[in-house]
Protein backbone atom coordinates (compact mmCIF):
# COMPACT_ATOMS: atom_id res chain seq x y z
CA MET A 1 -9.64 0.45 -24.27
CA ALA A 2 -7.07 1.06 -21.47
CA ILE A 3 -4.36 -1.48 -20.51
CA LEU A 4 -4.03 -1.81 -16.64
CA LYS A 5 -1.23 -3.35 -14.78
CA VAL A 6 -1.36 -4.43 -11.06
CA ILE A 7 1.65 -4.63 -8.67
CA GLU A 8 1.77 -5.81 -5.10
CA VAL A 9 3.56 -3.54 -2.50
CA LEU A 10 4.14 -4.14 1.20
CA ALA A 11 4.29 -1.03 3.58
CA ASN A 12 4.33 -0.30 7.19
CA SER A 13 3.54 2.68 9.61
CA SER A 14 3.66 3.17 13.25
CA GLU A 15 0.52 5.38 13.04
CA SER A 16 -2.26 3.33 11.26
CA TRP A 17 -3.24 1.06 8.40
CA GLU A 18 -4.48 4.09 6.46
CA ASP A 19 -1.04 5.84 6.91
CA ALA A 20 0.69 2.56 5.75
CA THR A 21 -1.51 2.54 2.66
CA GLN A 22 -0.69 6.16 1.93
CA LYS A 23 3.00 5.32 2.14
CA ALA A 24 2.75 2.44 -0.29
CA VAL A 25 1.00 4.67 -2.80
CA THR A 26 3.43 7.60 -2.30
CA GLN A 27 6.39 5.25 -2.71
CA ALA A 28 4.99 3.46 -5.74
CA SER A 29 4.20 6.88 -7.40
CA LYS A 30 7.84 7.72 -7.48
CA SER A 31 8.39 5.12 -10.23
CA VAL A 32 4.91 4.21 -11.46
CA LYS A 33 2.73 6.92 -13.23
CA ASN A 34 -1.06 6.86 -13.85
CA ILE A 35 -2.03 5.08 -10.64
CA ARG A 36 -5.83 4.43 -10.77
CA SER A 37 -6.53 2.54 -7.59
CA VAL A 38 -5.23 0.76 -4.42
CA TYR A 39 -6.78 -2.43 -3.00
CA VAL A 40 -5.77 -3.45 0.54
CA ASN A 41 -5.35 -7.09 0.28
CA GLU A 42 -4.21 -7.86 3.75
CA GLN A 43 -3.64 -5.99 7.11
CA SER A 44 -1.53 -7.15 10.03
CA ALA A 45 0.12 -5.61 13.00
CA THR A 46 2.83 -6.33 15.45
CA VAL A 47 2.47 -5.88 19.12
CA LYS A 48 5.08 -4.80 21.78
CA ASP A 49 4.41 -4.54 25.56
CA GLY A 50 0.61 -5.08 24.98
CA LYS A 51 0.23 -2.37 22.37
CA VAL A 52 0.15 -2.27 18.53
CA ASP A 53 3.65 -1.36 17.58
CA ASP A 54 3.58 -1.40 13.74
CA PHE A 55 0.75 -1.44 11.22
CA ARG A 56 1.43 -3.35 8.02
CA VAL A 57 -0.52 -3.57 4.75
CA ASN A 58 -0.17 -5.67 1.61
CA VAL A 59 -1.73 -3.62 -1.22
CA LYS A 60 -2.37 -4.08 -4.88
CA ILE A 61 -1.78 -0.88 -6.86
CA THR A 62 -3.48 -0.62 -10.34
CA PHE A 63 -2.09 1.67 -12.90
CA GLU A 64 -2.59 2.48 -16.64
CA VAL A 65 0.10 1.54 -19.11
CA LYS A 66 0.37 4.04 -21.92
């Protein structure tokens, strides 16, 4: 039986929600090992001059505790 832990991470990107998600995983993997999955809990964006300026995600990252 594996022991799994979930952390919540906020990230942003000027490119896309997918890029923001990747940035969250990349940053988390610097201190957390054995990441198993990422769940996008919430997406939002800011708007500037009628265009999307910043994509934001709230993700839950699941990893195995050894």
